[in-house]
C-alpha atoms as a PDB file:
ATOM      1  CA  MET A   1      15.948 -27.747   7.942  1.00  0.00           C
ATOM      2  CA  PRO A   2      14.498 -30.254  10.428  1.00  0.00           C
ATOM      3  CA  ILE A   3      16.305 -33.194   8.803  1.00  0.00           C
ATOM      4  CA  TYR A   4      18.664 -34.936  11.193  1.00  0.00           C
ATOM      5  CA  GLN A   5      22.258 -35.285   9.991  1.00  0.00           C
ATOM      6  CA  LYS A   6      25.372 -36.753  11.621  1.00  0.00           C
ATOM      7  CA  ARG A   7      28.983 -36.229  10.560  1.00  0.00           C
ATOM      8  CA  GLY A   8      32.345 -37.246  11.966  1.00  0.00           C
ATOM      9  CA  GLU A   9      32.788 -38.671  15.460  1.00  0.00           C
ATOM     10  CA  ILE A  10      30.393 -37.869  18.300  1.00  0.00           C
ATOM     11  CA  PRO A  11      29.815 -39.372  21.770  1.00  0.00           C
ATOM     12  CA  HIS A  12      27.080 -41.945  22.386  1.00  0.00           C
ATOM     13  CA  LYS A  13      25.128 -39.537  24.657  1.00  0.00           C
ATOM     14  CA  ARG A  14      24.680 -35.785  24.583  1.00  0.00           C
ATOM     15  CA  HIS A  15      26.140 -33.492  27.258  1.00  0.00           C
ATOM     16  CA  THR A  16      28.577 -36.091  28.556  1.00  0.00           C
ATOM     17  CA  VAL A  17      32.346 -36.125  28.965  1.00  0.00           C
ATOM     18  CA  TYR A  18      33.989 -36.667  25.580  1.00  0.00           C
ATOM     19  CA  ARG A  19      37.762 -36.963  25.499  1.00  0.00           C
ATOM     20  CA  LYS A  20      40.430 -36.827  22.847  1.00  0.00           C
ATOM     21  CA  PRO A  21      42.800 -39.778  22.431  1.00  0.00           C
ATOM     22  CA  ASN A  22      45.309 -37.909  24.644  1.00  0.00           C
ATOM     23  CA  GLY A  23      42.744 -37.532  27.441  1.00  0.00           C
ATOM     24  CA  GLU A  24      41.940 -33.856  26.896  1.00  0.00           C
ATOM     25  CA  LEU A  25      38.317 -32.792  26.609  1.00  0.00           C
ATOM     26  CA  TYR A  26      36.459 -31.899  23.445  1.00  0.00           C
ATOM     27  CA  ALA A  27      34.241 -28.805  23.791  1.00  0.00           C
ATOM     28  CA  GLU A  28      30.535 -29.322  23.103  1.00  0.00           C
ATOM     29  CA  GLU A  29      28.664 -26.400  21.544  1.00  0.00           C
ATOM     30  CA  LEU A  30      24.928 -26.142  20.925  1.00  0.00           C
ATOM     31  CA  VAL A  31      23.998 -23.967  17.940  1.00  0.00           C
ATOM     32  CA  SER A  32      20.452 -22.839  17.129  1.00  0.00           C
ATOM     33  CA  THR A  33      18.818 -19.928  15.381  1.00  0.00           C
ATOM     34  CA  GLU A  34      16.066 -19.577  17.998  1.00  0.00           C
ATOM     35  CA  GLY A  35      17.625 -20.663  21.256  1.00  0.00           C
ATOM     36  CA  PHE A  36      16.492 -23.864  22.970  1.00  0.00           C
ATOM     37  CA  SER A  37      12.973 -23.688  21.548  1.00  0.00           C
ATOM     38  CA  SER A  38      13.729 -24.701  17.962  1.00  0.00           C
ATOM     39  CA  ILE A  39      15.968 -26.943  15.858  1.00  0.00           C
ATOM     40  CA  TYR A  40      19.636 -27.176  16.829  1.00  0.00           C
ATOM     41  CA  SER A  41      22.944 -28.967  16.249  1.00  0.00           C
ATOM     42  CA  LEU A  42      25.679 -30.088  18.648  1.00  0.00           C
ATOM     43  CA  ILE A  43      29.272 -29.522  17.552  1.00  0.00           C
ATOM     44  CA  TYR A  44      32.308 -31.116  19.205  1.00  0.00           C
ATOM     45  CA  HIS A  45      35.351 -28.817  19.008  1.00  0.00           C
ATOM     46  CA  ALA A  46      39.002 -29.645  19.513  1.00  0.00           C
ATOM     47  CA  TYR A  47      39.244 -26.349  21.422  1.00  0.00           C
ATOM     48  CA  PRO A  48      36.693 -24.065  23.121  1.00  0.00           C
ATOM     49  CA  PRO A  49      35.170 -21.842  20.380  1.00  0.00           C
ATOM     50  CA  THR A  50      35.685 -18.769  22.574  1.00  0.00           C
ATOM     51  CA  LEU A  51      39.463 -18.326  22.310  1.00  0.00           C
ATOM     52  CA  VAL A  52      39.675 -14.755  20.985  1.00  0.00           C
ATOM     53  CA  LYS A  53      43.119 -13.123  20.747  1.00  0.00           C
ATOM     54  CA  ALA A  54      42.095  -9.677  19.509  1.00  0.00           C
ATOM     55  CA  ILE A  55      39.122  -7.573  18.395  1.00  0.00           C
ATOM     56  CA  GLY A  56      39.658  -4.954  15.710  1.00  0.00           C
ATOM     57  CA  GLU A  57      37.824  -1.685  15.177  1.00  0.00           C
ATOM     58  CA  ALA A  58      34.247  -2.212  14.040  1.00  0.00           C
ATOM     59  CA  TYR A  59      32.830  -0.518  10.965  1.00  0.00           C
ATOM     60  CA  SER A  60      29.319  -0.104   9.597  1.00  0.00           C
ATOM     61  CA  VAL A  61      27.803  -1.949   6.657  1.00  0.00           C
ATOM     62  CA  GLU A  62      24.273  -0.898   7.545  1.00  0.00           C
ATOM     63  CA  PRO A  63      22.322   0.040   4.397  1.00  0.00           C
ATOM     64  CA  LYS A  64      21.495   3.708   4.004  1.00  0.00           C
ATOM     65  CA  ILE A  65      17.838   4.057   3.053  1.00  0.00           C
ATOM     66  CA  ALA A  66      17.505   6.434   0.104  1.00  0.00           C
ATOM     67  CA  MET A  67      13.686   6.577   0.191  1.00  0.00           C
ATOM     68  CA  PRO A  68      12.220   5.417   3.535  1.00  0.00           C
ATOM     69  CA  LYS A  69       8.609   5.815   2.385  1.00  0.00           C
ATOM     70  CA  ASN A  70       8.115   4.992  -1.252  1.00  0.00           C
ATOM     71  CA  MET A  71       5.365   3.652  -3.524  1.00  0.00           C
ATOM     72  CA  GLN A  72       7.130   4.247  -6.843  1.00  0.00           C
ATOM     73  CA  HIS A  73       8.217   1.246  -8.916  1.00  0.00           C
ATOM     74  CA  ARG A  74      11.903   0.695  -9.562  1.00  0.00           C
ATOM     75  CA  SER A  75      13.948  -1.360 -12.019  1.00  0.00           C
ATOM     76  CA  TYR A  76      17.472  -2.229 -10.853  1.00  0.00           C
ATOM     77  CA  LEU A  77      20.388  -2.979 -13.157  1.00  0.00           C
ATOM     78  CA  THR A  78      22.410  -5.251 -10.885  1.00  0.00           C
ATOM     79  CA  PHE A  79      25.061  -6.632 -13.243  1.00  0.00           C
ATOM     80  CA  GLY A  80      27.657  -3.954 -12.574  1.00  0.00           C
ATOM     81  CA  ALA A  81      31.389  -4.237 -11.971  1.00  0.00           C
ATOM     82  CA  TYR A  82      32.948  -7.047  -9.965  1.00  0.00           C
ATOM     83  CA  GLU A  83      34.576  -6.249  -6.618  1.00  0.00           C
ATOM     84  CA  SER A  84      37.429  -8.154  -5.051  1.00  0.00           C
ATOM     85  CA  ASP A  85      36.278  -8.261  -1.424  1.00  0.00           C
ATOM     86  CA  TYR A  86      33.362 -10.505  -0.449  1.00  0.00           C
ATOM     87  CA  ILE A  87      31.825  -8.231   2.194  1.00  0.00           C
ATOM     88  CA  LYS A  88      32.286  -5.003   0.238  1.00  0.00           C
ATOM     89  CA  SER A  89      30.751  -6.524  -2.883  1.00  0.00           C
ATOM     90  CA  ARG A  90      27.389  -7.065  -1.154  1.00  0.00           C
ATOM     91  CA  LYS A  91      24.930  -4.298  -2.070  1.00  0.00           C
ATOM     92  CA  ILE A  92      21.549  -4.209  -0.343  1.00  0.00           C
ATOM     93  CA  LEU A  93      18.873  -2.898  -2.723  1.00  0.00           C
ATOM     94  CA  LEU A  94      15.608  -3.270  -0.777  1.00  0.00           C
ATOM     95  CA  MET A  95      14.877  -3.788   2.878  1.00  0.00           C
ATOM     96  CA  ASN A  96      12.280  -3.625   5.606  1.00  0.00           C
ATOM     97  CA  SER A  97      11.958  -5.105   9.092  1.00  0.00           C
ATOM     98  CA  ASP A  98      11.457  -8.624   7.692  1.00  0.00           C
ATOM     99  CA  LEU A  99      14.361  -8.973   5.263  1.00  0.00           C
ATOM    100  CA  GLN A 100      17.073  -7.414   3.148  1.00  0.00           C
ATOM    101  CA  ILE A 101      17.685  -8.367  -0.479  1.00  0.00           C
ATOM    102  CA  GLY A 102      20.584  -7.428  -2.686  1.00  0.00           C
ATOM    103  CA  THR A 103      23.397  -8.637  -4.885  1.00  0.00           C
ATOM    104  CA  GLN A 104      27.097  -9.358  -4.609  1.00  0.00           C
ATOM    105  CA  ALA A 105      29.797  -9.880  -7.236  1.00  0.00           C
ATOM    106  CA  PRO A 106      33.040 -10.930  -5.522  1.00  0.00           C
ATOM    107  CA  SER A 107      35.939 -11.594  -7.865  1.00  0.00           C
ATOM    108  CA  SER A 108      38.336 -13.084  -5.295  1.00  0.00           C
ATOM    109  CA  SER A 109      38.116 -15.960  -2.867  1.00  0.00           C
ATOM    110  CA  MET A 110      37.818 -14.973   0.782  1.00  0.00           C
ATOM    111  CA  ASP A 111      41.078 -14.693   2.751  1.00  0.00           C
ATOM    112  CA  TYR A 112      39.116 -14.406   6.011  1.00  0.00           C
ATOM    113  CA  PHE A 113      36.083 -16.075   7.581  1.00  0.00           C
ATOM    114  CA  PHE A 114      32.621 -14.519   7.805  1.00  0.00           C
ATOM    115  CA  LYS A 115      29.765 -14.941  10.284  1.00  0.00           C
ATOM    116  CA  ASN A 116      26.375 -13.275   9.918  1.00  0.00           C
ATOM    117  CA  SER A 117      24.989 -13.040  13.446  1.00  0.00           C
ATOM    118  CA  ASP A 118      22.086 -10.881  12.264  1.00  0.00           C
ATOM    119  CA  ALA A 119      20.365 -13.118   9.772  1.00  0.00           C
ATOM    120  CA  ASP A 120      19.879 -16.380   7.935  1.00  0.00           C
ATOM    121  CA  GLU A 121      21.215 -16.048   4.394  1.00  0.00           C
ATOM    122  CA  VAL A 122      20.068 -17.480   1.078  1.00  0.00           C
ATOM    123  CA  ILE A 123      22.602 -16.947  -1.708  1.00  0.00           C
ATOM    124  CA  PHE A 124      21.405 -17.709  -5.241  1.00  0.00           C
ATOM    125  CA  ILE A 125      24.200 -18.360  -7.737  1.00  0.00           C
ATOM    126  CA  HIS A 126      23.584 -16.485 -11.002  1.00  0.00           C
ATOM    127  CA  GLU A 127      27.155 -16.826 -12.211  1.00  0.00           C
ATOM    128  CA  GLY A 128      30.298 -18.646 -11.112  1.00  0.00           C
ATOM    129  CA  SER A 129      31.092 -21.709  -9.033  1.00  0.00           C
ATOM    130  CA  GLY A 130      33.155 -22.655  -6.020  1.00  0.00           C
ATOM    131  CA  THR A 131      33.014 -24.168  -2.559  1.00  0.00           C
ATOM    132  CA  LEU A 132      31.399 -23.081   0.699  1.00  0.00           C
ATOM    133  CA  HIS A 133      33.616 -24.138   3.613  1.00  0.00           C
ATOM    134  CA  SER A 134      32.201 -24.353   7.148  1.00  0.00           C
ATOM    135  CA  ILE A 135      32.622 -26.325  10.346  1.00  0.00           C
ATOM    136  CA  TYR A 136      29.890 -28.650   9.065  1.00  0.00           C
ATOM    137  CA  GLY A 137      31.889 -29.549   5.952  1.00  0.00           C
ATOM    138  CA  ASN A 138      32.170 -28.439   2.328  1.00  0.00           C
ATOM    139  CA  LEU A 139      29.456 -27.667  -0.202  1.00  0.00           C
ATOM    140  CA  LYS A 140      30.367 -27.283  -3.868  1.00  0.00           C
ATOM    141  CA  PHE A 141      28.088 -24.819  -5.663  1.00  0.00           C
ATOM    142  CA  GLY A 142      27.386 -23.619  -9.180  1.00  0.00           C
ATOM    143  CA  TYR A 143      24.791 -22.002 -11.406  1.00  0.00           C
ATOM    144  CA  GLY A 144      21.207 -22.271 -10.166  1.00  0.00           C
ATOM    145  CA  ASP A 145      22.093 -23.222  -6.594  1.00  0.00           C
ATOM    146  CA  TYR A 146      20.384 -21.761  -3.559  1.00  0.00           C
ATOM    147  CA  ILE A 147      22.852 -21.851  -0.642  1.00  0.00           C
ATOM    148  CA  VAL A 148      20.960 -21.664   2.659  1.00  0.00           C
ATOM    149  CA  ILE A 149      23.212 -20.586   5.554  1.00  0.00           C
ATOM    150  CA  PRO A 150      21.807 -20.422   9.116  1.00  0.00           C
ATOM    151  CA  ARG A 151      22.752 -17.358  11.116  1.00  0.00           C
ATOM    152  CA  GLY A 152      25.800 -17.745  13.297  1.00  0.00           C
ATOM    153  CA  THR A 153      27.548 -20.055  10.811  1.00  0.00           C
ATOM    154  CA  ILE A 154      31.214 -19.204  10.288  1.00  0.00           C
ATOM    155  CA  TYR A 155      32.046 -19.801   6.648  1.00  0.00           C
ATOM    156  CA  LYS A 156      34.496 -19.062   3.873  1.00  0.00           C
ATOM    157  CA  MET A 157      33.822 -19.062   0.126  1.00  0.00           C
ATOM    158  CA  THR A 158      36.426 -19.993  -2.451  1.00  0.00           C
ATOM    159  CA  PHE A 159      35.663 -19.379  -6.123  1.00  0.00           C
ATOM    160  CA  ASP A 160      36.788 -21.234  -9.236  1.00  0.00           C
ATOM    161  CA  GLY A 161      37.042 -18.006 -11.251  1.00  0.00           C
ATOM    162  CA  LYS A 162      36.734 -14.227 -11.035  1.00  0.00           C
ATOM    163  CA  GLU A 163      33.218 -13.874 -12.476  1.00  0.00           C
ATOM    164  CA  ASN A 164      30.756 -14.491  -9.659  1.00  0.00           C
ATOM    165  CA  ARG A 165      27.297 -12.981  -9.303  1.00  0.00           C
ATOM    166  CA  HIS A 166      24.907 -13.805  -6.483  1.00  0.00           C
ATOM    167  CA  PHE A 167      21.444 -12.749  -5.382  1.00  0.00           C
ATOM    168  CA  VAL A 168      21.309 -12.498  -1.575  1.00  0.00           C
ATOM    169  CA  THR A 169      18.485 -12.628   0.957  1.00  0.00           C
ATOM    170  CA  GLU A 170      19.124 -11.870   4.635  1.00  0.00           C
ATOM    171  CA  SER A 171      16.357 -12.639   7.123  1.00  0.00           C
ATOM    172  CA  PRO A 172      16.309 -12.000  10.905  1.00  0.00           C
ATOM    173  CA  THR A 173      13.901 -14.941  11.178  1.00  0.00           C
ATOM    174  CA  PRO A 174      14.617 -18.532  10.072  1.00  0.00           C
ATOM    175  CA  ILE A 175      14.317 -19.325   6.362  1.00  0.00           C
ATOM    176  CA  ASP A 176      12.641 -22.661   5.727  1.00  0.00           C
ATOM    177  CA  THR A 177      10.657 -24.653   3.186  1.00  0.00           C
ATOM    178  CA  PRO A 178       6.946 -23.753   2.788  1.00  0.00           C
ATOM    179  CA  LYS A 179       4.792 -24.977   5.681  1.00  0.00           C
ATOM    180  CA  ARG A 180       2.061 -26.265   3.364  1.00  0.00           C
ATOM    181  CA  TYR A 181       4.551 -28.700   1.820  1.00  0.00           C
ATOM    182  CA  ARG A 182       5.552 -30.237   5.190  1.00  0.00           C
ATOM    183  CA  ASN A 183       3.747 -32.640   7.486  1.00  0.00           C
ATOM    184  CA  GLU A 184       3.538 -32.182  11.260  1.00  0.00           C
ATOM    185  CA  HIS A 185       6.945 -33.844  11.683  1.00  0.00           C
ATOM    186  CA  GLY A 186       8.704 -31.583   9.153  1.00  0.00           C
ATOM    187  CA  GLN A 187       8.940 -34.093   6.292  1.00  0.00           C
ATOM    188  CA  LEU A 188       8.204 -32.765   2.811  1.00  0.00           C
ATOM    189  CA  LEU A 189       4.908 -34.143   1.536  1.00  0.00           C
ATOM    190  CA  GLU A 190       4.252 -36.149  -1.618  1.00  0.00           C
ATOM    191  CA  HIS A 191       2.688 -33.205  -3.449  1.00  0.00           C
ATOM    192  CA  ALA A 192       5.641 -30.866  -2.747  1.00  0.00           C
ATOM    193  CA  PRO A 193       7.565 -29.725  -5.858  1.00  0.00           C
ATOM    194  CA  PHE A 194      10.837 -30.989  -4.344  1.00  0.00           C
ATOM    195  CA  CYS A 195      11.868 -33.394  -1.582  1.00  0.00           C
ATOM    196  CA  GLU A 196      14.711 -34.159   0.791  1.00  0.00           C
ATOM    197  CA  ARG A 197      16.578 -36.080  -1.917  1.00  0.00           C
ATOM    198  CA  ASP A 198      17.021 -32.803  -3.792  1.00  0.00           C
ATOM    199  CA  LEU A 199      18.893 -31.133  -0.925  1.00  0.00           C
ATOM    200  CA  ARG A 200      22.696 -31.309  -0.826  1.00  0.00           C
ATOM    201  CA  THR A 201      24.177 -31.396   2.667  1.00  0.00           C
ATOM    202  CA  PRO A 202      27.797 -30.750   3.739  1.00  0.00           C
ATOM    203  CA  GLU A 203      30.552 -33.236   2.973  1.00  0.00           C
ATOM    204  CA  PHE A 204      32.471 -33.543   6.227  1.00  0.00           C
ATOM    205  CA  VAL A 205      36.243 -32.995   6.154  1.00  0.00           C
ATOM    206  CA  PRO A 206      38.845 -33.790   8.850  1.00  0.00           C
ATOM    207  CA  MET A 207      38.993 -31.197  11.595  1.00  0.00           C
ATOM    208  CA  LYS A 208      41.488 -28.337  11.379  1.00  0.00           C
ATOM    209  CA  ASP A 209      43.582 -28.854  14.522  1.00  0.00           C
ATOM    210  CA  GLU A 210      45.487 -25.597  14.098  1.00  0.00           C
ATOM    211  CA  LYS A 211      46.524 -22.720  16.367  1.00  0.00           C
ATOM    212  CA  GLY A 212      47.428 -19.271  15.095  1.00  0.00           C
ATOM    213  CA  ASP A 213      45.667 -16.078  14.008  1.00  0.00           C
ATOM    214  CA  PHE A 214      42.341 -16.629  12.229  1.00  0.00           C
ATOM    215  CA  LEU A 215      40.394 -13.541  11.194  1.00  0.00           C
ATOM    216  CA  VAL A 216      36.610 -13.870  11.487  1.00  0.00           C
ATOM    217  CA  MET A 217      34.521 -10.926  10.295  1.00  0.00           C
ATOM    218  CA  ILE A 218      31.328 -10.960  12.377  1.00  0.00           C
ATOM    219  CA  LYS A 219      28.255  -9.040  11.263  1.00  0.00           C
ATOM    220  CA  LYS A 220      25.995  -7.868  14.089  1.00  0.00           C
ATOM    221  CA  GLN A 221      23.406  -5.069  14.049  1.00  0.00           C
ATOM    222  CA  GLY A 222      24.740  -3.711  10.773  1.00  0.00           C
ATOM    223  CA  MET A 223      28.353  -3.598  11.990  1.00  0.00           C
ATOM    224  CA  ILE A 224      31.375  -5.714  11.069  1.00  0.00           C
ATOM    225  CA  TYR A 225      33.521  -6.749  14.036  1.00  0.00           C
ATOM    226  CA  PRO A 226      36.961  -8.148  13.122  1.00  0.00           C
ATOM    227  CA  TYR A 227      37.717 -10.963  15.587  1.00  0.00           C
ATOM    228  CA  THR A 228      41.032 -12.812  15.638  1.00  0.00           C
ATOM    229  CA  TYR A 229      40.596 -16.341  16.951  1.00  0.00           C
ATOM    230  CA  ALA A 230      43.445 -18.389  18.424  1.00  0.00           C
ATOM    231  CA  THR A 231      42.312 -21.655  16.784  1.00  0.00           C
ATOM    232  CA  HIS A 232      40.946 -22.599  13.375  1.00  0.00           C
ATOM    233  CA  PRO A 233      37.141 -22.104  13.240  1.00  0.00           C
ATOM    234  CA  PHE A 234      36.682 -25.518  11.573  1.00  0.00           C
ATOM    235  CA  ASP A 235      38.034 -27.621  14.440  1.00  0.00           C
ATOM    236  CA  ALA A 236      35.089 -30.020  14.788  1.00  0.00           C
ATOM    237  CA  VAL A 237      35.754 -33.721  15.226  1.00  0.00           C
ATOM    238  CA  GLY A 238      32.040 -34.275  14.572  1.00  0.00           C
ATOM    239  CA  TRP A 239      28.529 -32.842  14.812  1.00  0.00           C
ATOM    240  CA  ASP A 240      24.901 -33.865  14.623  1.00  0.00           C
ATOM    241  CA  GLY A 241      21.523 -32.181  14.507  1.00  0.00           C
ATOM    242  CA  CYS A 242      19.212 -30.208  12.251  1.00  0.00           C
ATOM    243  CA  VAL A 243      21.011 -26.861  11.830  1.00  0.00           C
ATOM    244  CA  TYR A 244      23.594 -26.681   9.016  1.00  0.00           C
ATOM    245  CA  PRO A 245      24.027 -25.068   5.583  1.00  0.00           C
ATOM    246  CA  TYR A 246      22.587 -26.873   2.579  1.00  0.00           C
ATOM    247  CA  ILE A 247      21.989 -26.369  -1.149  1.00  0.00           C
ATOM    248  CA  PHE A 248      18.942 -26.708  -3.369  1.00  0.00           C
ATOM    249  CA  ASN A 249      19.291 -26.321  -7.138  1.00  0.00           C
ATOM    250  CA  ILE A 250      16.479 -24.631  -9.039  1.00  0.00           C
ATOM    251  CA  GLU A 251      16.585 -27.312 -11.771  1.00  0.00           C
ATOM    252  CA  ASP A 252      15.396 -29.839  -9.166  1.00  0.00           C
ATOM    253  CA  PHE A 253      12.158 -27.892  -8.669  1.00  0.00           C
ATOM    254  CA  GLU A 254       9.308 -29.795 -10.359  1.00  0.00           C
ATOM    255  CA  PRO A 255       6.794 -27.215 -11.637  1.00  0.00           C
ATOM    256  CA  ILE A 256       3.170 -27.619 -10.624  1.00  0.00           C
ATOM    257  CA  THR A 257       1.054 -27.211 -13.743  1.00  0.00           C
ATOM    258  CA  GLY A 258      -2.631 -27.165 -14.575  1.00  0.00           C
ATOM    259  CA  ARG A 259      -5.103 -26.659 -17.410  1.00  0.00           C
ATOM    260  CA  VAL A 260      -5.005 -22.899 -16.777  1.00  0.00           C
ATOM    261  CA  HIS A 261      -2.333 -20.536 -15.497  1.00  0.00           C
ATOM    262  CA  GLN A 262      -1.289 -21.385 -11.930  1.00  0.00           C
ATOM    263  CA  PRO A 263      -1.068 -18.703  -9.227  1.00  0.00           C
ATOM    264  CA  PRO A 264       2.361 -17.556  -7.964  1.00  0.00           C
ATOM    265  CA  PRO A 265       2.376 -19.638  -4.714  1.00  0.00           C
ATOM    266  CA  VAL A 266       2.926 -22.850  -6.738  1.00  0.00           C
ATOM    267  CA  HIS A 267       6.435 -21.557  -7.528  1.00  0.00           C
ATOM    268  CA  GLN A 268       7.433 -21.026  -3.888  1.00  0.00           C
ATOM    269  CA  THR A 269      10.731 -22.496  -2.702  1.00  0.00           C
ATOM    270  CA  PHE A 270      11.362 -20.907   0.727  1.00  0.00           C
ATOM    271  CA  GLU A 271       9.661 -18.697   3.265  1.00  0.00           C
ATOM    272  CA  GLY A 272      10.422 -16.508   6.261  1.00  0.00           C
ATOM    273  CA  ARG A 273       8.333 -14.252   8.444  1.00  0.00           C
ATOM    274  CA  ASN A 274       6.092 -12.164   6.161  1.00  0.00           C
ATOM    275  CA  PHE A 275       7.885 -13.040   2.931  1.00  0.00           C
ATOM    276  CA  VAL A 276       8.263 -15.891   0.467  1.00  0.00           C
ATOM    277  CA  ASN A 277      10.742 -16.844  -2.227  1.00  0.00           C
ATOM    278  CA  LEU A 278       9.383 -17.702  -5.678  1.00  0.00           C
ATOM    279  CA  TYR A 279      12.125 -19.271  -7.778  1.00  0.00           C
ATOM    280  CA  THR A 280      14.552 -16.308  -7.923  1.00  0.00           C
ATOM    281  CA  ILE A 281      11.875 -13.677  -7.318  1.00  0.00           C
ATOM    282  CA  GLN A 282      11.714 -12.190  -3.809  1.00  0.00           C
ATOM    283  CA  LEU A 283       8.431 -10.683  -2.603  1.00  0.00           C
ATOM    284  CA  LEU A 284       8.872  -7.994   0.032  1.00  0.00           C
ATOM    285  CA  SER A 285       6.252  -7.569   2.726  1.00  0.00           C
ATOM    286  CA  ASN A 286       4.558  -4.272   3.488  1.00  0.00           C
ATOM    287  CA  LEU A 287       5.565  -2.487   0.299  1.00  0.00           C
END
């Protein structure tokens, strides 16, 4: 989201020497989903975010396509059994080159960290509540929340109970609000069905100045790479910019109505390349 945010302590100028109280340097990291040509954030770490102690054996989570060329309609019963592990509980149901959509039903809080380097994620909460923890801060979530997580974000989810059901979208291109609802500067317009006030941004927490063994499961090209970092992933003293996870609740969407039935685009909440999100309905491209 191109809405500038600032959390914690940051230097007066970008790309300058920034020291800890003991004289050591903080490490500045630029994060963006499309390199230097799009929105970004600058994070100031207590330690360089590259201190890797070990890399475990990678394994595949790439979806196996049952019917690569198909025109037959399908109805999916997604409310099956809960699974303990967060990654294993994610089941991709439909996919093409523009996105993957599926469900997950984790029953246990994560005892590791996760980073999706392949895609932006939107996680819709059908059931359950908890907290999304990231270097940007904490986001409490519950029923009806869309959690938008930019690719490359290391996060951990803790749940308040065992019954959690989510609808998941993964997109290799950025997921954003509809272009027709934004002005040339990125601000949501007056006729949009929601505005910036409806978006919940991370609540910053003190940095985790910890050394040890921190397991980060990194997803890249359909593989999971277990990385063990030497320092806690949430070691930021501060950050600022326009890339961060945020939440939008479906009850804050103000329906656009008319004298006759309105077409589906009036229900749009997000969009990516060649697909849109209508409330909790995902429309695949090229089907």
